[in-house]
Amino acid sequence: MPKITYVAHDGIETVVDVAQDDTVMRGAVLNGIKGIVAQCGGGASCGTCHVYVDPENTKPLSAMHQVEDELLYFTACERKENSRLSCQLAVTGEQDGLVVHMPEKQL
């Protein structure tokens, strides 16, 4: 299983195995990662699974769709160039080692 590293706003890192074909959000929820609320359950309608993909990332990411792009302007914390909704980040073997940082707040 691919390993995904979740970095909390305070810098604490948690590495978990996430099943292929799951999402980065689902991996966080199933493993009790704090900092990802996932209020809508992965429907790309709430923005409470906002993450910042590590700036050093070289892993291929799924394409950003228009709905995700628009919703990222309404998240609780600033949208940055590396902002993504973790519910829209599909996990495959190619994402092994992906690092995502959580914003200060989601709501």
PDB file of N, CA and C in Angstrom:
ATOM      1  N   MET A   1       0.841  -1.186   0.000  1.00  0.00           N
ATOM      2  CA  MET A   1       0.000   0.000   0.000  1.00  0.00           C
ATOM      3  C   MET A   1       0.884   1.247   0.000  1.00  0.00           C
ATOM      4  N   PRO A   2       0.470   2.269  -0.740  1.00  0.00           N
ATOM      5  CA  PRO A   2       1.225   3.516  -0.736  1.00  0.00           C
ATOM      6  C   PRO A   2       1.215   4.172   0.651  1.00  0.00           C
ATOM      7  N   LYS A   3       2.332   4.762   1.020  1.00  0.00           N
ATOM      8  CA  LYS A   3       2.440   5.495   2.276  1.00  0.00           C
ATOM      9  C   LYS A   3       2.248   6.984   1.973  1.00  0.00           C
ATOM     10  N   ILE A   4       1.357   7.604   2.739  1.00  0.00           N
ATOM     11  CA  ILE A   4       1.097   9.041   2.617  1.00  0.00           C
ATOM     12  C   ILE A   4       1.483   9.675   3.943  1.00  0.00           C
ATOM     13  N   THR A   5       2.199  10.791   3.884  1.00  0.00           N
ATOM     14  CA  THR A   5       2.591  11.521   5.086  1.00  0.00           C
ATOM     15  C   THR A   5       1.698  12.736   5.231  1.00  0.00           C
ATOM     16  N   TYR A   6       1.051  12.832   6.390  1.00  0.00           N
ATOM     17  CA  TYR A   6       0.184  13.966   6.724  1.00  0.00           C
ATOM     18  C   TYR A   6       0.936  14.808   7.747  1.00  0.00           C
ATOM     19  N   VAL A   7       1.123  16.079   7.447  1.00  0.00           N
ATOM     20  CA  VAL A   7       1.832  16.974   8.348  1.00  0.00           C
ATOM     21  C   VAL A   7       0.822  17.960   8.931  1.00  0.00           C
ATOM     22  N   ALA A   8       0.625  17.864  10.249  1.00  0.00           N
ATOM     23  CA  ALA A   8      -0.297  18.772  10.936  1.00  0.00           C
ATOM     24  C   ALA A   8       0.265  20.184  10.919  1.00  0.00           C
ATOM     25  N   HIS A   9      -0.605  21.146  11.177  1.00  0.00           N
ATOM     26  CA  HIS A   9      -0.183  22.546  11.175  1.00  0.00           C
ATOM     27  C   HIS A   9       0.950  22.802  12.177  1.00  0.00           C
ATOM     28  N   ASP A  10       0.989  22.019  13.273  1.00  0.00           N
ATOM     29  CA  ASP A  10       2.051  22.193  14.270  1.00  0.00           C
ATOM     30  C   ASP A  10       3.329  21.447  13.907  1.00  0.00           C
ATOM     31  N   GLY A  11       3.359  20.810  12.732  1.00  0.00           N
ATOM     32  CA  GLY A  11       4.564  20.145  12.251  1.00  0.00           C
ATOM     33  C   GLY A  11       4.654  18.658  12.553  1.00  0.00           C
ATOM     34  N   ILE A  12       3.714  18.122  13.313  1.00  0.00           N
ATOM     35  CA  ILE A  12       3.748  16.694  13.630  1.00  0.00           C
ATOM     36  C   ILE A  12       3.377  15.887  12.386  1.00  0.00           C
ATOM     37  N   GLU A  13       4.246  14.933  12.041  1.00  0.00           N
ATOM     38  CA  GLU A  13       4.042  14.101  10.860  1.00  0.00           C
ATOM     39  C   GLU A  13       3.473  12.744  11.246  1.00  0.00           C
ATOM     40  N   THR A  14       2.535  12.272  10.452  1.00  0.00           N
ATOM     41  CA  THR A  14       1.973  10.936  10.619  1.00  0.00           C
ATOM     42  C   THR A  14       2.006  10.253   9.262  1.00  0.00           C
ATOM     43  N   VAL A  15       2.619   9.095   9.217  1.00  0.00           N
ATOM     44  CA  VAL A  15       2.705   8.329   7.973  1.00  0.00           C
ATOM     45  C   VAL A  15       1.748   7.150   8.076  1.00  0.00           C
ATOM     46  N   VAL A  16       0.890   7.005   7.073  1.00  0.00           N
ATOM     47  CA  VAL A  16      -0.064   5.896   7.078  1.00  0.00           C
ATOM     48  C   VAL A  16      -0.091   5.208   5.715  1.00  0.00           C
ATOM     49  N   ASP A  17      -0.474   3.942   5.743  1.00  0.00           N
ATOM     50  CA  ASP A  17      -0.721   3.199   4.516  1.00  0.00           C
ATOM     51  C   ASP A  17      -2.126   3.533   4.047  1.00  0.00           C
ATOM     52  N   VAL A  18      -2.249   3.877   2.787  1.00  0.00           N
ATOM     53  CA  VAL A  18      -3.561   4.180   2.215  1.00  0.00           C
ATOM     54  C   VAL A  18      -3.783   3.238   1.036  1.00  0.00           C
ATOM     55  N   ALA A  19      -4.908   2.584   1.037  1.00  0.00           N
ATOM     56  CA  ALA A  19      -5.220   1.630  -0.027  1.00  0.00           C
ATOM     57  C   ALA A  19      -5.273   2.321  -1.381  1.00  0.00           C
ATOM     58  N   GLN A  20      -4.761   1.622  -2.382  1.00  0.00           N
ATOM     59  CA  GLN A  20      -4.872   2.143  -3.736  1.00  0.00           C
ATOM     60  C   GLN A  20      -6.345   2.279  -4.098  1.00  0.00           C
ATOM     61  N   ASP A  21      -6.642   3.268  -4.879  1.00  0.00           N
ATOM     62  CA  ASP A  21      -7.999   3.603  -5.315  1.00  0.00           C
ATOM     63  C   ASP A  21      -8.806   4.317  -4.236  1.00  0.00           C
ATOM     64  N   ASP A  22      -8.223   4.554  -3.064  1.00  0.00           N
ATOM     65  CA  ASP A  22      -8.839   5.428  -2.077  1.00  0.00           C
ATOM     66  C   ASP A  22      -8.382   6.845  -2.388  1.00  0.00           C
ATOM     67  N   THR A  23      -8.755   7.789  -1.558  1.00  0.00           N
ATOM     68  CA  THR A  23      -8.283   9.159  -1.708  1.00  0.00           C
ATOM     69  C   THR A  23      -7.428   9.524  -0.507  1.00  0.00           C
ATOM     70  N   VAL A  24      -6.686  10.592  -0.637  1.00  0.00           N
ATOM     71  CA  VAL A  24      -5.881  11.088   0.477  1.00  0.00           C
ATOM     72  C   VAL A  24      -6.792  11.430   1.656  1.00  0.00           C
ATOM     73  N   MET A  25      -7.982  11.969   1.384  1.00  0.00           N
ATOM     74  CA  MET A  25      -8.942  12.283   2.448  1.00  0.00           C
ATOM     75  C   MET A  25      -9.408  11.031   3.173  1.00  0.00           C
ATOM     76  N   ARG A  26      -9.785  10.019   2.429  1.00  0.00           N
ATOM     77  CA  ARG A  26     -10.280   8.780   3.045  1.00  0.00           C
ATOM     78  C   ARG A  26      -9.180   8.127   3.883  1.00  0.00           C
ATOM     79  N   GLY A  27      -7.957   8.174   3.405  1.00  0.00           N
ATOM     80  CA  GLY A  27      -6.839   7.649   4.189  1.00  0.00           C
ATOM     81  C   GLY A  27      -6.711   8.365   5.517  1.00  0.00           C
ATOM     82  N   ALA A  28      -6.917   9.673   5.514  1.00  0.00           N
ATOM     83  CA  ALA A  28      -6.846  10.454   6.754  1.00  0.00           C
ATOM     84  C   ALA A  28      -7.986  10.088   7.693  1.00  0.00           C
ATOM     85  N   VAL A  29      -9.192  10.030   7.167  1.00  0.00           N
ATOM     86  CA  VAL A  29     -10.364   9.727   7.990  1.00  0.00           C
ATOM     87  C   VAL A  29     -10.257   8.332   8.603  1.00  0.00           C
ATOM     88  N   LEU A  30      -9.899   7.345   7.797  1.00  0.00           N
ATOM     89  CA  LEU A  30      -9.817   5.967   8.284  1.00  0.00           C
ATOM     90  C   LEU A  30      -8.715   5.769   9.319  1.00  0.00           C
ATOM     91  N   ASN A  31      -7.723   6.659   9.307  1.00  0.00           N
ATOM     92  CA  ASN A  31      -6.597   6.532  10.229  1.00  0.00           C
ATOM     93  C   ASN A  31      -6.606   7.573  11.336  1.00  0.00           C
ATOM     94  N   GLY A  32      -7.714   8.284  11.486  1.00  0.00           N
ATOM     95  CA  GLY A  32      -7.859   9.231  12.586  1.00  0.00           C
ATOM     96  C   GLY A  32      -6.921  10.422  12.540  1.00  0.00           C
ATOM     97  N   ILE A  33      -6.562  10.852  11.338  1.00  0.00           N
ATOM     98  CA  ILE A  33      -5.682  12.015  11.184  1.00  0.00           C
ATOM     99  C   ILE A  33      -6.469  13.276  11.512  1.00  0.00           C
ATOM    100  N   LYS A  34      -5.992  14.016  12.487  1.00  0.00           N
ATOM    101  CA  LYS A  34      -6.652  15.282  12.827  1.00  0.00           C
ATOM    102  C   LYS A  34      -6.222  16.349  11.837  1.00  0.00           C
ATOM    103  N   GLY A  35      -7.143  17.241  11.533  1.00  0.00           N
ATOM    104  CA  GLY A  35      -6.835  18.329  10.613  1.00  0.00           C
ATOM    105  C   GLY A  35      -7.553  18.212   9.290  1.00  0.00           C
ATOM    106  N   ILE A  36      -8.169  17.060   9.038  1.00  0.00           N
ATOM    107  CA  ILE A  36      -9.002  16.883   7.857  1.00  0.00           C
ATOM    108  C   ILE A  36     -10.395  16.523   8.362  1.00  0.00           C
ATOM    109  N   VAL A  37     -11.331  17.455   8.192  1.00  0.00           N
ATOM    110  CA  VAL A  37     -12.678  17.286   8.728  1.00  0.00           C
ATOM    111  C   VAL A  37     -13.527  16.415   7.806  1.00  0.00           C
ATOM    112  N   ALA A  38     -13.465  16.658   6.515  1.00  0.00           N
ATOM    113  CA  ALA A  38     -14.202  15.886   5.513  1.00  0.00           C
ATOM    114  C   ALA A  38     -15.701  15.881   5.786  1.00  0.00           C
ATOM    115  N   GLN A  39     -16.225  17.043   6.012  1.00  0.00           N
ATOM    116  CA  GLN A  39     -17.629  17.209   6.378  1.00  0.00           C
ATOM    117  C   GLN A  39     -18.602  16.626   5.350  1.00  0.00           C
ATOM    118  N   CYS A  40     -18.294  16.732   4.059  1.00  0.00           N
ATOM    119  CA  CYS A  40     -19.218  16.230   3.033  1.00  0.00           C
ATOM    120  C   CYS A  40     -18.924  14.788   2.646  1.00  0.00           C
ATOM    121  N   GLY A  41     -17.913  14.189   3.236  1.00  0.00           N
ATOM    122  CA  GLY A  41     -17.611  12.792   2.967  1.00  0.00           C
ATOM    123  C   GLY A  41     -16.928  12.522   1.643  1.00  0.00           C
ATOM    124  N   GLY A  42     -16.412  13.542   1.026  1.00  0.00           N
ATOM    125  CA  GLY A  42     -15.674  13.334  -0.222  1.00  0.00           C
ATOM    126  C   GLY A  42     -16.399  13.775  -1.468  1.00  0.00           C
ATOM    127  N   GLY A  43     -17.447  14.561  -1.324  1.00  0.00           N
ATOM    128  CA  GLY A  43     -18.233  14.999  -2.469  1.00  0.00           C
ATOM    129  C   GLY A  43     -17.768  16.286  -3.122  1.00  0.00           C
ATOM    130  N   ALA A  44     -16.640  16.813  -2.689  1.00  0.00           N
ATOM    131  CA  ALA A  44     -16.111  18.071  -3.243  1.00  0.00           C
ATOM    132  C   ALA A  44     -17.131  19.194  -3.138  1.00  0.00           C
ATOM    133  N   SER A  45     -17.783  19.276  -1.959  1.00  0.00           N
ATOM    134  CA  SER A  45     -18.786  20.331  -1.801  1.00  0.00           C
ATOM    135  C   SER A  45     -18.614  21.149  -0.529  1.00  0.00           C
ATOM    136  N   CYS A  46     -17.603  20.852   0.297  1.00  0.00           N
ATOM    137  CA  CYS A  46     -17.488  21.603   1.557  1.00  0.00           C
ATOM    138  C   CYS A  46     -16.133  22.281   1.755  1.00  0.00           C
ATOM    139  N   GLY A  47     -15.084  21.748   1.195  1.00  0.00           N
ATOM    140  CA  GLY A  47     -13.755  22.347   1.334  1.00  0.00           C
ATOM    141  C   GLY A  47     -13.070  22.069   2.657  1.00  0.00           C
ATOM    142  N   THR A  48     -13.593  21.148   3.464  1.00  0.00           N
ATOM    143  CA  THR A  48     -13.000  20.889   4.786  1.00  0.00           C
ATOM    144  C   THR A  48     -11.964  19.768   4.766  1.00  0.00           C
ATOM    145  N   CYS A  49     -11.483  19.450   3.583  1.00  0.00           N
ATOM    146  CA  CYS A  49     -10.380  18.492   3.463  1.00  0.00           C
ATOM    147  C   CYS A  49      -9.218  19.140   2.714  1.00  0.00           C
ATOM    148  N   HIS A  50      -9.171  20.457   2.777  1.00  0.00           N
ATOM    149  CA  HIS A  50      -8.143  21.258   2.117  1.00  0.00           C
ATOM    150  C   HIS A  50      -6.760  20.862   2.638  1.00  0.00           C
ATOM    151  N   VAL A  51      -5.825  20.652   1.728  1.00  0.00           N
ATOM    152  CA  VAL A  51      -4.436  20.381   2.093  1.00  0.00           C
ATOM    153  C   VAL A  51      -3.523  21.170   1.168  1.00  0.00           C
ATOM    154  N   TYR A  52      -2.280  21.290   1.608  1.00  0.00           N
ATOM    155  CA  TYR A  52      -1.226  21.857   0.777  1.00  0.00           C
ATOM    156  C   TYR A  52      -0.296  20.708   0.412  1.00  0.00           C
ATOM    157  N   VAL A  53      -0.196  20.405  -0.873  1.00  0.00           N
ATOM    158  CA  VAL A  53       0.725  19.372  -1.322  1.00  0.00           C
ATOM    159  C   VAL A  53       2.136  19.909  -1.110  1.00  0.00           C
ATOM    160  N   ASP A  54       3.003  19.059  -0.563  1.00  0.00           N
ATOM    161  CA  ASP A  54       4.370  19.490  -0.269  1.00  0.00           C
ATOM    162  C   ASP A  54       4.995  20.131  -1.511  1.00  0.00           C
ATOM    163  N   PRO A  55       5.639  21.287  -1.335  1.00  0.00           N
ATOM    164  CA  PRO A  55       6.223  21.995  -2.490  1.00  0.00           C
ATOM    165  C   PRO A  55       7.301  21.183  -3.212  1.00  0.00           C
ATOM    166  N   GLU A  56       7.895  20.207  -2.538  1.00  0.00           N
ATOM    167  CA  GLU A  56       8.932  19.379  -3.148  1.00  0.00           C
ATOM    168  C   GLU A  56       8.351  18.160  -3.864  1.00  0.00           C
ATOM    169  N   ASN A  57       7.023  18.084  -3.940  1.00  0.00           N
ATOM    170  CA  ASN A  57       6.369  16.919  -4.525  1.00  0.00           C
ATOM    171  C   ASN A  57       6.775  16.694  -5.975  1.00  0.00           C
ATOM    172  N   THR A  58       7.088  15.450  -6.289  1.00  0.00           N
ATOM    173  CA  THR A  58       7.347  15.054  -7.674  1.00  0.00           C
ATOM    174  C   THR A  58       6.393  13.940  -8.105  1.00  0.00           C
ATOM    175  N   LYS A  59       5.457  13.584  -7.236  1.00  0.00           N
ATOM    176  CA  LYS A  59       4.493  12.523  -7.530  1.00  0.00           C
ATOM    177  C   LYS A  59       3.417  13.055  -8.468  1.00  0.00           C
ATOM    178  N   PRO A  60       2.988  12.253  -9.420  1.00  0.00           N
ATOM    179  CA  PRO A  60       1.900  12.705 -10.302  1.00  0.00           C
ATOM    180  C   PRO A  60       0.592  12.774  -9.514  1.00  0.00           C
ATOM    181  N   LEU A  61      -0.161  13.818  -9.733  1.00  0.00           N
ATOM    182  CA  LEU A  61      -1.446  13.996  -9.047  1.00  0.00           C
ATOM    183  C   LEU A  61      -2.576  13.966 -10.057  1.00  0.00           C
ATOM    184  N   SER A  62      -3.738  13.532  -9.589  1.00  0.00           N
ATOM    185  CA  SER A  62      -4.904  13.559 -10.466  1.00  0.00           C
ATOM    186  C   SER A  62      -5.198  15.008 -10.851  1.00  0.00           C
ATOM    187  N   ALA A  63      -5.767  15.180 -12.011  1.00  0.00           N
ATOM    188  CA  ALA A  63      -6.060  16.522 -12.517  1.00  0.00           C
ATOM    189  C   ALA A  63      -7.088  17.222 -11.637  1.00  0.00           C
ATOM    190  N   MET A  64      -6.965  18.543 -11.541  1.00  0.00           N
ATOM    191  CA  MET A  64      -7.929  19.335 -10.782  1.00  0.00           C
ATOM    192  C   MET A  64      -9.103  19.676 -11.684  1.00  0.00           C
ATOM    193  N   HIS A  65     -10.300  19.314 -11.230  1.00  0.00           N
ATOM    194  CA  HIS A  65     -11.508  19.623 -11.981  1.00  0.00           C
ATOM    195  C   HIS A  65     -12.021  21.007 -11.592  1.00  0.00           C
ATOM    196  N   GLN A  66     -12.895  21.566 -12.397  1.00  0.00           N
ATOM    197  CA  GLN A  66     -13.407  22.913 -12.201  1.00  0.00           C
ATOM    198  C   GLN A  66     -14.058  23.095 -10.831  1.00  0.00           C
ATOM    199  N   VAL A  67     -14.844  22.121 -10.376  1.00  0.00           N
ATOM    200  CA  VAL A  67     -15.528  22.234  -9.086  1.00  0.00           C
ATOM    201  C   VAL A  67     -14.511  22.391  -7.954  1.00  0.00           C
ATOM    202  N   GLU A  68     -13.462  21.564  -7.975  1.00  0.00           N
ATOM    203  CA  GLU A  68     -12.412  21.669  -6.950  1.00  0.00           C
ATOM    204  C   GLU A  68     -11.723  23.023  -7.032  1.00  0.00           C
ATOM    205  N   ASP A  69     -11.390  23.439  -8.229  1.00  0.00           N
ATOM    206  CA  ASP A  69     -10.711  24.713  -8.434  1.00  0.00           C
ATOM    207  C   ASP A  69     -11.520  25.869  -7.849  1.00  0.00           C
ATOM    208  N   GLU A  70     -12.809  25.879  -8.104  1.00  0.00           N
ATOM    209  CA  GLU A  70     -13.667  26.951  -7.594  1.00  0.00           C
ATOM    210  C   GLU A  70     -13.836  26.880  -6.079  1.00  0.00           C
ATOM    211  N   LEU A  71     -14.016  25.680  -5.540  1.00  0.00           N
ATOM    212  CA  LEU A  71     -14.226  25.520  -4.099  1.00  0.00           C
ATOM    213  C   LEU A  71     -13.007  25.939  -3.291  1.00  0.00           C
ATOM    214  N   LEU A  72     -11.830  25.780  -3.838  1.00  0.00           N
ATOM    215  CA  LEU A  72     -10.604  26.151  -3.109  1.00  0.00           C
ATOM    216  C   LEU A  72     -10.525  27.648  -2.806  1.00  0.00           C
ATOM    217  N   TYR A  73     -11.321  28.461  -3.484  1.00  0.00           N
ATOM    218  CA  TYR A  73     -11.355  29.898  -3.175  1.00  0.00           C
ATOM    219  C   TYR A  73     -12.188  30.198  -1.932  1.00  0.00           C
ATOM    220  N   PHE A  74     -12.902  29.203  -1.411  1.00  0.00           N
ATOM    221  CA  PHE A  74     -13.798  29.424  -0.281  1.00  0.00           C
ATOM    222  C   PHE A  74     -13.430  28.588   0.940  1.00  0.00           C
ATOM    223  N   THR A  75     -12.206  28.112   1.016  1.00  0.00           N
ATOM    224  CA  THR A  75     -11.767  27.333   2.171  1.00  0.00           C
ATOM    225  C   THR A  75     -11.453  28.267   3.332  1.00  0.00           C
ATOM    226  N   ALA A  76     -11.389  27.699   4.539  1.00  0.00           N
ATOM    227  CA  ALA A  76     -11.165  28.497   5.753  1.00  0.00           C
ATOM    228  C   ALA A  76      -9.785  29.153   5.774  1.00  0.00           C
ATOM    229  N   CYS A  77      -8.814  28.509   5.176  1.00  0.00           N
ATOM    230  CA  CYS A  77      -7.455  29.061   5.121  1.00  0.00           C
ATOM    231  C   CYS A  77      -7.106  29.408   3.679  1.00  0.00           C
ATOM    232  N   GLU A  78      -6.140  30.257   3.554  1.00  0.00           N
ATOM    233  CA  GLU A  78      -5.718  30.778   2.266  1.00  0.00           C
ATOM    234  C   GLU A  78      -5.461  29.687   1.229  1.00  0.00           C
ATOM    235  N   ARG A  79      -5.974  29.923   0.035  1.00  0.00           N
ATOM    236  CA  ARG A  79      -5.636  29.057  -1.097  1.00  0.00           C
ATOM    237  C   ARG A  79      -4.235  29.435  -1.548  1.00  0.00           C
ATOM    238  N   LYS A  80      -3.429  28.415  -1.801  1.00  0.00           N
ATOM    239  CA  LYS A  80      -2.072  28.618  -2.304  1.00  0.00           C
ATOM    240  C   LYS A  80      -1.930  27.861  -3.620  1.00  0.00           C
ATOM    241  N   GLU A  81      -0.803  28.065  -4.269  1.00  0.00           N
ATOM    242  CA  GLU A  81      -0.542  27.404  -5.540  1.00  0.00           C
ATOM    243  C   GLU A  81      -0.602  25.877  -5.406  1.00  0.00           C
ATOM    244  N   ASN A  82      -0.252  25.353  -4.239  1.00  0.00           N
ATOM    245  CA  ASN A  82      -0.215  23.910  -4.016  1.00  0.00           C
ATOM    246  C   ASN A  82      -1.445  23.397  -3.258  1.00  0.00           C
ATOM    247  N   SER A  83      -2.501  24.192  -3.182  1.00  0.00           N
ATOM    248  CA  SER A  83      -3.735  23.773  -2.509  1.00  0.00           C
ATOM    249  C   SER A  83      -4.463  22.719  -3.334  1.00  0.00           C
ATOM    250  N   ARG A  84      -5.009  21.737  -2.628  1.00  0.00           N
ATOM    251  CA  ARG A  84      -5.869  20.724  -3.232  1.00  0.00           C
ATOM    252  C   ARG A  84      -6.905  20.297  -2.208  1.00  0.00           C
ATOM    253  N   LEU A  85      -8.000  19.728  -2.684  1.00  0.00           N
ATOM    254  CA  LEU A  85      -8.950  19.058  -1.804  1.00  0.00           C
ATOM    255  C   LEU A  85      -8.495  17.607  -1.739  1.00  0.00           C
ATOM    256  N   SER A  86      -8.240  17.110  -0.535  1.00  0.00           N
ATOM    257  CA  SER A  86      -7.709  15.757  -0.417  1.00  0.00           C
ATOM    258  C   SER A  86      -8.712  14.706  -0.872  1.00  0.00           C
ATOM    259  N   CYS A  87      -9.997  15.058  -0.922  1.00  0.00           N
ATOM    260  CA  CYS A  87     -11.000  14.106  -1.424  1.00  0.00           C
ATOM    261  C   CYS A  87     -10.879  13.915  -2.926  1.00  0.00           C
ATOM    262  N   GLN A  88     -10.164  14.798  -3.588  1.00  0.00           N
ATOM    263  CA  GLN A  88     -10.009  14.711  -5.035  1.00  0.00           C
ATOM    264  C   GLN A  88      -8.637  14.187  -5.443  1.00  0.00           C
ATOM    265  N   LEU A  89      -7.822  13.816  -4.441  1.00  0.00           N
ATOM    266  CA  LEU A  89      -6.500  13.263  -4.721  1.00  0.00           C
ATOM    267  C   LEU A  89      -6.560  11.742  -4.636  1.00  0.00           C
ATOM    268  N   ALA A  90      -6.688  11.109  -5.779  1.00  0.00           N
ATOM    269  CA  ALA A  90      -6.738   9.652  -5.834  1.00  0.00           C
ATOM    270  C   ALA A  90      -5.363   9.080  -5.492  1.00  0.00           C
ATOM    271  N   VAL A  91      -5.383   7.950  -4.785  1.00  0.00           N
ATOM    272  CA  VAL A  91      -4.141   7.286  -4.397  1.00  0.00           C
ATOM    273  C   VAL A  91      -3.912   6.083  -5.312  1.00  0.00           C
ATOM    274  N   THR A  92      -2.744   6.067  -5.915  1.00  0.00           N
ATOM    275  CA  THR A  92      -2.284   4.923  -6.700  1.00  0.00           C
ATOM    276  C   THR A  92      -0.882   4.598  -6.196  1.00  0.00           C
ATOM    277  N   GLY A  93      -0.292   3.578  -6.735  1.00  0.00           N
ATOM    278  CA  GLY A  93       1.074   3.232  -6.357  1.00  0.00           C
ATOM    279  C   GLY A  93       2.052   4.370  -6.608  1.00  0.00           C
ATOM    280  N   GLU A  94       1.736   5.221  -7.572  1.00  0.00           N
ATOM    281  CA  GLU A  94       2.618   6.346  -7.905  1.00  0.00           C
ATOM    282  C   GLU A  94       2.648   7.413  -6.815  1.00  0.00           C
ATOM    283  N   GLN A  95       1.658   7.422  -5.930  1.00  0.00           N
ATOM    284  CA  GLN A  95       1.623   8.418  -4.859  1.00  0.00           C
ATOM    285  C   GLN A  95       2.379   7.963  -3.611  1.00  0.00           C
ATOM    286  N   ASP A  96       2.971   6.784  -3.643  1.00  0.00           N
ATOM    287  CA  ASP A  96       3.735   6.321  -2.489  1.00  0.00           C
ATOM    288  C   ASP A  96       4.781   7.370  -2.116  1.00  0.00           C
ATOM    289  N   GLY A  97       4.720   7.844  -0.884  1.00  0.00           N
ATOM    290  CA  GLY A  97       5.650   8.875  -0.415  1.00  0.00           C
ATOM    291  C   GLY A  97       5.112  10.290  -0.503  1.00  0.00           C
ATOM    292  N   LEU A  98       3.886  10.454  -0.978  1.00  0.00           N
ATOM    293  CA  LEU A  98       3.285  11.785  -1.068  1.00  0.00           C
ATOM    294  C   LEU A  98       3.195  12.417   0.320  1.00  0.00           C
ATOM    295  N   VAL A  99       3.488  13.704   0.392  1.00  0.00           N
ATOM    296  CA  VAL A  99       3.412  14.460   1.644  1.00  0.00           C
ATOM    297  C   VAL A  99       2.410  15.586   1.456  1.00  0.00           C
ATOM    298  N   VAL A 100       1.464  15.678   2.397  1.00  0.00           N
ATOM    299  CA  VAL A 100       0.504  16.779   2.380  1.00  0.00           C
ATOM    300  C   VAL A 100       0.527  17.478   3.729  1.00  0.00           C
ATOM    301  N   HIS A 101       0.348  18.791   3.706  1.00  0.00           N
ATOM    302  CA  HIS A 101       0.337  19.618   4.922  1.00  0.00           C
ATOM    303  C   HIS A 101      -1.081  20.123   5.144  1.00  0.00           C
ATOM    304  N   MET A 102      -1.523  20.057   6.411  1.00  0.00           N
ATOM    305  CA  MET A 102      -2.842  20.550   6.730  1.00  0.00           C
ATOM    306  C   MET A 102      -2.777  22.042   7.074  1.00  0.00           C
ATOM    307  N   PRO A 103      -3.801  22.792   6.666  1.00  0.00           N
ATOM    308  CA  PRO A 103      -3.857  24.204   7.046  1.00  0.00           C
ATOM    309  C   PRO A 103      -4.177  24.354   8.534  1.00  0.00           C
ATOM    310  N   GLU A 104      -4.120  25.547   9.019  1.00  0.00           N
ATOM    311  CA  GLU A 104      -4.363  25.811  10.438  1.00  0.00           C
ATOM    312  C   GLU A 104      -5.765  25.395  10.871  1.00  0.00           C
ATOM    313  N   LYS A 105      -6.741  25.596   9.991  1.00  0.00           N
ATOM    314  CA  LYS A 105      -8.124  25.223  10.325  1.00  0.00           C
ATOM    315  C   LYS A 105      -8.855  24.854   9.049  1.00  0.00           C
ATOM    316  N   GLN A 106      -9.973  24.144   9.213  1.00  0.00           N
ATOM    317  CA  GLN A 106     -10.792  23.738   8.077  1.00  0.00           C
ATOM    318  C   GLN A 106     -12.155  24.414   8.097  1.00  0.00           C
ATOM    319  N   LEU A 107     -12.605  24.837   9.246  1.00  0.00           N
ATOM    320  CA  LEU A 107     -13.929  25.463   9.350  1.00  0.00           C
ATOM    321  C   LEU A 107     -13.800  26.923   9.714  1.00  0.00           C
TER     322      LEU A 107
END
